[in-house]
């Protein structure tokens, strides 16, 4: 009789242990499923980022090719000098520059126009563009002037010395 009770208790313990193990298995499997889903999601996001970076590089290369093509077309279009040397598409002839530009030839630009990603202004028959932020304290109604300094064009405001905006000649 003692063996029969012990056998029954042993069977009950084994069955209870098996039941507990069976109950914990689905929870563990569910956790593994969530991890697998998270890994797949992270991999998809990484692939999308890589694709976005590749597209951005391709667009940048296309933009550089277009810039070079424009520079080649405009480099000898009535201008003297270097074509697109990294910041403008040519150089205004010296006699015209002296006659129309510099500190003695200020003008009010009013408001620039946005054209192909550049703020553009026109003065004395030439188009200048810039994409720097407008300096605080400057007004679009202030008198400004264009100066050619060491191969670059700059916009100055006589009321705010020491501040200038780099210009591109179009």
Protein backbone atom coordinates (compact mmCIF):
# COMPACT_ATOMS: atom_id res chain seq x y z
CA UNK A 1 0.00 0.00 0.00
CA UNK A 2 2.85 2.39 0.78
CA UNK A 3 4.34 1.82 -2.65
CA UNK A 4 1.07 2.54 -4.33
CA UNK A 5 0.74 5.92 -2.55
CA UNK A 6 4.36 6.76 -3.32
CA UNK A 7 3.86 5.77 -6.95
CA UNK A 8 0.77 7.93 -7.18
CA UNK A 9 2.60 10.89 -5.62
CA UNK A 10 5.54 10.39 -7.96
CA UNK A 11 3.22 10.29 -10.97
CA UNK A 12 1.46 13.45 -9.71
CA UNK A 13 4.80 15.25 -9.30
CA UNK A 14 5.97 14.22 -12.78
CA UNK A 15 2.67 15.26 -14.34
CA UNK A 16 2.76 18.60 -12.52
CA UNK A 17 6.31 19.24 -13.68
CA UNK A 18 5.40 18.34 -17.26
CA UNK A 19 2.37 20.63 -17.09
CA UNK A 20 4.52 23.54 -15.78
CA UNK A 21 7.10 23.01 -18.52
CA UNK A 22 4.34 22.88 -21.14
CA UNK A 23 2.84 26.13 -19.86
CA UNK A 24 6.15 28.00 -20.02
CA UNK A 25 7.01 26.83 -23.55
CA UNK A 26 4.49 28.96 -25.46
CA UNK A 27 5.51 32.11 -23.56
CA UNK A 28 9.16 31.46 -24.39
CA UNK A 29 8.31 30.71 -28.02
CA UNK A 30 6.25 33.90 -28.17
CA UNK A 31 9.23 35.94 -26.90
CA UNK A 32 11.44 34.40 -29.56
CA UNK A 33 8.84 35.29 -32.20
CA UNK A 34 8.83 38.91 -31.09
CA UNK A 35 12.63 39.02 -31.24
CA UNK A 36 12.58 37.60 -34.77
CA UNK A 37 9.97 40.18 -35.80
CA UNK A 38 12.03 43.01 -34.30
CA UNK A 39 15.15 41.80 -36.10
CA UNK A 40 13.28 41.65 -39.43
CA UNK A 41 11.91 45.16 -38.87
CA UNK A 42 15.39 46.49 -38.03
CA UNK A 43 16.82 44.83 -41.15
CA UNK A 44 14.10 46.39 -43.33
CA UNK A 45 14.79 49.82 -41.84
CA UNK A 46 18.52 49.40 -42.42
CA UNK A 47 17.92 48.43 -46.06
CA UNK A 48 15.66 51.46 -46.54
CA UNK A 49 18.31 53.74 -45.03
CA UNK A 50 20.98 52.28 -47.29
CA UNK A 51 18.71 52.74 -50.29
CA UNK A 52 18.05 56.36 -49.25
CA UNK A 53 21.79 57.03 -48.87
CA UNK A 54 22.45 55.51 -52.29
CA UNK A 55 19.75 57.68 -53.87
CA UNK A 56 21.14 60.79 -52.15
CA UNK A 57 24.66 60.01 -53.44
CA UNK A 58 23.27 59.49 -56.94
CA UNK A 59 21.37 62.80 -56.83
CA UNK A 60 24.47 64.58 -55.54
CA UNK A 61 26.56 63.14 -58.39
CA UNK A 62 23.91 64.18 -60.93
CA UNK A 63 23.88 67.69 -59.45
CA UNK A 64 27.66 67.90 -59.69
CA UNK A 65 27.52 66.77 -63.32
CA UNK A 66 24.88 69.39 -64.10
CA UNK A 67 26.95 72.08 -62.36
CA UNK A 68 30.00 71.11 -64.43
CA UNK A 69 27.91 71.17 -67.62
CA UNK A 70 26.53 74.63 -66.79
CA UNK A 71 30.02 75.85 -65.97
CA UNK A 72 31.36 74.55 -69.26
CA UNK A 73 28.55 76.24 -71.16
CA UNK A 74 28.80 79.57 -69.33
CA UNK A 75 32.54 79.69 -68.75
CA UNK A 76 33.23 81.44 -72.03
CA UNK A 77 29.91 83.20 -72.43
CA UNK A 78 31.23 86.75 -72.71
CA UNK A 79 33.07 86.58 -69.39
CA UNK A 80 36.79 86.68 -68.81
CA UNK A 81 38.42 84.37 -66.38
CA UNK A 82 37.99 80.97 -64.95
CA UNK A 83 34.48 79.72 -65.72
CA UNK A 84 33.11 78.05 -62.60
CA UNK A 85 35.99 78.14 -60.15
CA UNK A 86 33.85 76.73 -57.36
CA UNK A 87 31.80 79.80 -56.57
CA UNK A 88 30.73 81.66 -59.71
CA UNK A 89 30.28 81.20 -63.42
CA UNK A 90 32.76 83.71 -64.66
CA UNK A 91 34.04 87.17 -64.03
CA UNK A 92 32.67 90.57 -64.88
CA UNK A 93 35.13 92.46 -67.10
CA UNK A 94 37.33 94.88 -65.12
CA UNK A 95 36.11 98.04 -66.86
CA UNK A 96 32.46 97.15 -66.19
CA UNK A 97 33.27 96.13 -62.64
CA UNK A 98 34.94 99.47 -61.88
CA UNK A 99 32.13 101.40 -63.55
CA UNK A 100 29.21 99.70 -61.79
CA UNK A 101 30.41 97.90 -58.67
CA UNK A 102 32.20 98.68 -55.45
CA UNK A 103 31.57 100.86 -52.40
CA UNK A 104 30.77 103.94 -54.51
CA UNK A 105 27.98 102.10 -56.38
CA UNK A 106 25.45 101.11 -53.74
CA UNK A 107 21.87 100.12 -54.52
CA UNK A 108 18.73 98.84 -52.83
CA UNK A 109 18.08 95.28 -53.78
CA UNK A 110 14.53 95.19 -52.34
CA UNK A 111 13.77 91.45 -51.98
CA UNK A 112 15.68 88.57 -53.62
CA UNK A 113 13.90 86.08 -55.88
CA UNK A 114 14.24 82.33 -55.26
CA UNK A 115 15.41 80.63 -58.47
CA UNK A 116 16.64 77.02 -58.54
CA UNK A 117 17.52 76.97 -54.85
CA UNK A 118 19.32 80.32 -54.80
CA UNK A 119 18.17 83.70 -53.62
CA UNK A 120 18.92 85.86 -56.65
CA UNK A 121 19.29 89.56 -57.16
CA UNK A 122 19.88 91.52 -60.34
CA UNK A 123 22.06 94.57 -60.52
CA UNK A 124 23.66 96.37 -63.45
CA UNK A 125 22.63 93.66 -65.91
CA UNK A 126 24.10 90.76 -63.91
CA UNK A 127 22.38 88.13 -61.80
CA UNK A 128 23.92 87.22 -58.47
CA UNK A 129 22.82 84.37 -56.24
CA UNK A 130 23.42 83.46 -52.64
CA UNK A 131 22.27 80.75 -50.28
CA UNK A 132 23.70 82.02 -47.02
CA UNK A 133 21.29 83.18 -44.33
CA UNK A 134 20.41 86.86 -44.41
CA UNK A 135 22.43 88.59 -41.65
CA UNK A 136 20.47 89.78 -38.65
CA UNK A 137 20.14 93.54 -38.59
CA UNK A 138 20.27 93.83 -42.38
CA UNK A 139 17.12 95.05 -44.10
CA UNK A 140 16.23 94.33 -47.72
CA UNK A 141 15.73 98.09 -48.04
CA UNK A 142 19.28 98.94 -46.91
CA UNK A 143 21.78 100.21 -49.43
CA UNK A 144 24.22 97.44 -50.36
CA UNK A 145 27.07 97.08 -52.82
CA UNK A 146 28.91 94.29 -54.64
CA UNK A 147 32.68 94.01 -54.37
CA UNK A 148 35.09 91.69 -56.21
CA UNK A 149 37.77 90.53 -53.75
CA UNK A 150 40.49 87.96 -54.54
CA UNK A 151 38.44 86.09 -57.12
CA UNK A 152 35.09 86.16 -55.30
CA UNK A 153 32.06 88.44 -55.32
CA UNK A 154 30.61 89.65 -52.02
CA UNK A 155 27.59 91.68 -50.98
CA UNK A 156 28.32 94.32 -48.33
CA UNK A 157 26.07 96.59 -46.28
CA UNK A 158 27.83 99.88 -45.36
CA UNK A 159 25.79 100.08 -42.12
CA UNK A 160 27.20 96.75 -40.92
CA UNK A 161 30.93 96.63 -41.58
CA UNK A 162 32.70 93.30 -41.24
CA UNK A 163 29.72 91.27 -42.44
CA UNK A 164 29.43 90.10 -46.04
CA UNK A 165 27.52 87.55 -48.09
CA UNK A 166 29.30 85.42 -50.69
CA UNK A 167 27.70 85.79 -54.11
CA UNK A 168 27.63 83.53 -57.15
CA UNK A 169 27.56 85.17 -60.57
CA UNK A 170 24.95 83.67 -62.90
